[in-house]
C-alpha cells in the first residue's frame, strides 16, 4: 500500500491523496436525513495498516470526532454555489460552505458520535451520521477543550434543521 502524498507546489501540483484508515460497518445502509441518535455502527480500523496499539487509550473517551468521505455522492451532484439547505425554500439560500450537506467539493464529512466500546480494532459507536461502507479518513477523541470558545451563534434555519437530526 502506498503512502499518502500531501503537499503543494511544483512537486505535488496541489494534489492531496488520502487512504482511509477504516470504514463504517453496519448501521444505516442508505443515506437519509434525521434521527441518527439511535443508530449504532462499528468503525473498523484497517488491520493491514494498524495494530491495536494505534487506539490504546481511546476507550477512556466518551466521544469521537470522525472524518469520512461521502463516497456515495455522485461527483456531478457536487455543489459549488448557494442553495436552500435540503431544498427547503423556507430557509435562505446559503453557500456550500455555510451548511454541512454531503454534496461538498471534496465530499468530506465530519461527525461527532458516542464511543460505546472498543474491541480490538473495532470502535463501536452511536449516533454516527455515516452509512454502512463509508470510508473513514481519521478518528480523533473529542476533547472539550478543543470545542468553541465564547458564545456560539447560528441562524434560525440551522436550529430548525437540527431539531430532529439526532
Protein backbone atom coordinates (compact mmCIF):
# COMPACT_ATOMS: atom_id res chain seq x y z
CA UNK A 1 0.00 0.00 0.00
CA UNK A 2 1.42 3.38 -0.97
CA UNK A 3 1.90 6.23 1.47
CA UNK A 4 -0.40 9.21 1.07
CA UNK A 5 1.00 12.23 -0.75
CA UNK A 6 0.26 15.51 0.94
CA UNK A 7 1.60 18.75 -0.40
CA UNK A 8 1.54 21.55 -2.86
CA UNK A 9 3.95 23.28 -5.14
CA UNK A 10 5.81 22.09 -8.21
CA UNK A 11 6.35 18.54 -6.91
CA UNK A 12 2.73 17.89 -5.94
CA UNK A 13 0.62 20.22 -8.10
CA UNK A 14 -1.63 20.85 -5.09
CA UNK A 15 -2.82 17.23 -5.04
CA UNK A 16 -3.74 15.64 -1.73
CA UNK A 17 -4.13 11.88 -1.68
CA UNK A 18 -5.50 10.04 1.34
CA UNK A 19 -6.04 6.41 2.21
CA UNK A 20 -8.92 5.50 4.50
CA UNK A 21 -7.89 4.29 7.95
CA UNK A 22 -11.02 2.14 8.10
CA UNK A 23 -14.68 2.02 7.23
CA UNK A 24 -18.11 2.13 8.78
CA UNK A 25 -19.62 -1.32 9.23
CA UNK A 26 -23.32 -1.68 9.97
CA UNK A 27 -25.77 0.99 10.93
CA UNK A 28 -27.87 2.69 8.33
CA UNK A 29 -27.50 1.27 4.83
CA UNK A 30 -28.93 4.17 2.85
CA UNK A 31 -28.39 7.89 3.27
CA UNK A 32 -31.39 9.84 4.53
CA UNK A 33 -31.72 12.78 6.84
CA UNK A 34 -32.57 12.85 10.53
CA UNK A 35 -32.95 10.56 13.52
CA UNK A 36 -29.30 9.48 13.73
CA UNK A 37 -29.17 9.20 17.55
CA UNK A 38 -30.44 5.59 17.72
CA UNK A 39 -28.06 4.38 15.00
CA UNK A 40 -25.17 2.16 16.08
CA UNK A 41 -22.29 1.03 13.91
CA UNK A 42 -18.68 -0.07 14.04
CA UNK A 43 -15.72 1.87 12.73
CA UNK A 44 -13.43 -0.95 11.67
CA UNK A 45 -9.82 0.24 11.65
CA UNK A 46 -7.74 -1.40 8.92
CA UNK A 47 -5.74 -4.32 10.32
CA UNK A 48 -3.45 -4.24 7.28
CA UNK A 49 -2.14 -0.82 8.35
CA UNK A 50 -2.66 -0.61 12.11
CA UNK A 51 -2.33 -2.69 15.23
CA UNK A 52 -4.38 -2.29 18.39
CA UNK A 53 -1.53 -0.09 19.68
CA UNK A 54 -2.92 2.68 17.42
CA UNK A 55 -6.00 3.02 19.62
CA UNK A 56 -4.53 2.49 23.08
CA UNK A 57 -6.19 4.98 25.43
CA UNK A 58 -9.08 5.78 23.10
CA UNK A 59 -11.57 3.86 25.28
CA UNK A 60 -11.01 6.49 28.00
CA UNK A 61 -13.04 8.97 25.93
CA UNK A 62 -16.82 9.13 25.67
CA UNK A 63 -17.00 10.66 22.19
CA UNK A 64 -15.13 10.70 18.90
CA UNK A 65 -14.75 13.10 16.02
CA UNK A 66 -14.85 11.13 12.79
CA UNK A 67 -13.69 12.42 9.41
CA UNK A 68 -15.09 10.44 6.50
CA UNK A 69 -15.55 10.50 2.74
CA UNK A 70 -19.02 10.82 1.21
CA UNK A 71 -18.23 8.12 -1.36
CA UNK A 72 -21.86 7.68 -2.47
CA UNK A 73 -22.21 11.31 -3.62
CA UNK A 74 -22.19 11.50 -7.41
CA UNK A 75 -19.40 13.88 -8.49
CA UNK A 76 -21.91 15.50 -10.86
CA UNK A 77 -24.05 16.45 -7.83
CA UNK A 78 -21.30 18.50 -6.18
CA UNK A 79 -22.42 22.00 -5.21
CA UNK A 80 -20.15 25.00 -5.74
CA UNK A 81 -22.50 27.90 -5.12
CA UNK A 82 -25.54 28.63 -2.97
CA UNK A 83 -28.69 26.62 -2.43
CA UNK A 84 -31.51 26.19 0.05
CA UNK A 85 -30.41 23.62 2.69
CA UNK A 86 -32.17 20.34 1.89
CA UNK A 87 -34.02 22.17 -0.88
CA UNK A 88 -36.29 23.80 1.73
CA UNK A 89 -37.32 27.19 0.33
CA UNK A 90 -38.46 28.28 3.81
CA UNK A 91 -34.74 28.50 4.59
CA UNK A 92 -32.45 31.02 2.88
CA UNK A 93 -30.08 30.15 0.08
CA UNK A 94 -26.62 29.74 1.58
CA UNK A 95 -23.26 28.86 0.09
CA UNK A 96 -21.95 25.30 0.21
CA UNK A 97 -19.52 26.32 2.97
CA UNK A 98 -22.38 27.72 5.10
CA UNK A 99 -24.03 24.34 5.62
CA UNK A 100 -22.94 20.75 6.19
CA UNK A 101 -24.59 18.87 3.32
CA UNK A 102 -22.77 15.94 1.69
CA UNK A 103 -22.53 17.46 -1.82
CA UNK A 104 -19.37 19.35 -0.90
CA UNK A 105 -16.48 19.99 -3.29
CA UNK A 106 -14.20 17.44 -1.57
CA UNK A 107 -17.04 15.24 -0.23
CA UNK A 108 -15.58 15.27 3.30
CA UNK A 109 -17.86 14.70 6.28
CA UNK A 110 -17.15 15.38 9.94
CA UNK A 111 -19.26 13.93 12.73
CA UNK A 112 -19.18 13.64 16.48
CA UNK A 113 -20.51 10.43 17.96
CA UNK A 114 -20.53 8.43 21.17
CA UNK A 115 -17.82 5.82 21.64
CA UNK A 116 -19.69 2.84 23.10
CA UNK A 117 -16.91 0.24 23.19
CA UNK A 118 -13.50 -0.67 21.82
CA UNK A 119 -12.94 -4.27 20.72
CA UNK A 120 -9.57 -4.84 19.09
CA UNK A 121 -9.61 -2.53 16.07
CA UNK A 122 -13.40 -2.17 16.13
CA UNK A 123 -14.78 1.07 17.53
CA UNK A 124 -18.45 0.65 18.44
CA UNK A 125 -20.20 3.99 18.07
CA UNK A 126 -23.64 5.53 18.48
CA UNK A 127 -25.12 8.46 16.59
CA UNK A 128 -22.58 8.48 13.75
CA UNK A 129 -24.22 10.05 10.70
CA UNK A 130 -22.35 7.97 8.13
CA UNK A 131 -23.71 4.90 6.37
CA UNK A 132 -22.50 1.32 6.12
CA UNK A 133 -19.37 1.06 3.97
CA UNK A 134 -18.36 4.72 4.31
CA UNK A 135 -14.57 5.17 4.15
CA UNK A 136 -13.20 6.70 7.37
CA UNK A 137 -10.28 9.08 6.88
CA UNK A 138 -9.49 9.82 10.53
CA UNK A 139 -10.73 9.34 14.08
CA UNK A 140 -9.92 11.67 16.96
CA UNK A 141 -11.08 11.68 20.55
CA UNK A 142 -13.47 14.50 21.33
CA UNK A 143 -11.74 16.75 23.84
CA UNK A 144 -13.97 19.54 25.16
CA UNK A 145 -11.02 21.92 25.44
CA UNK A 146 -10.87 21.93 21.64
CA UNK A 147 -14.51 22.98 21.46
CA UNK A 148 -15.57 26.52 20.65
CA UNK A 149 -14.59 29.33 22.96
CA UNK A 150 -17.07 32.06 23.74
CA UNK A 151 -20.62 32.38 22.60
CA UNK A 152 -21.74 30.20 19.70
CA UNK A 153 -24.23 31.71 17.25
CA UNK A 154 -26.08 30.18 14.36
CA UNK A 155 -29.02 31.17 12.18
CA UNK A 156 -32.56 30.05 12.98
CA UNK A 157 -32.72 27.75 9.93
CA UNK A 158 -29.75 25.73 11.29
CA UNK A 159 -31.51 25.30 14.64
CA UNK A 160 -34.66 24.16 12.78
CA UNK A 161 -32.68 21.64 10.74
CA UNK A 162 -31.04 20.14 13.83
CA UNK A 163 -34.26 19.69 15.85
CA UNK A 164 -34.73 16.15 14.53
CA UNK A 165 -31.27 15.43 13.11
CA UNK A 166 -30.21 13.36 16.10
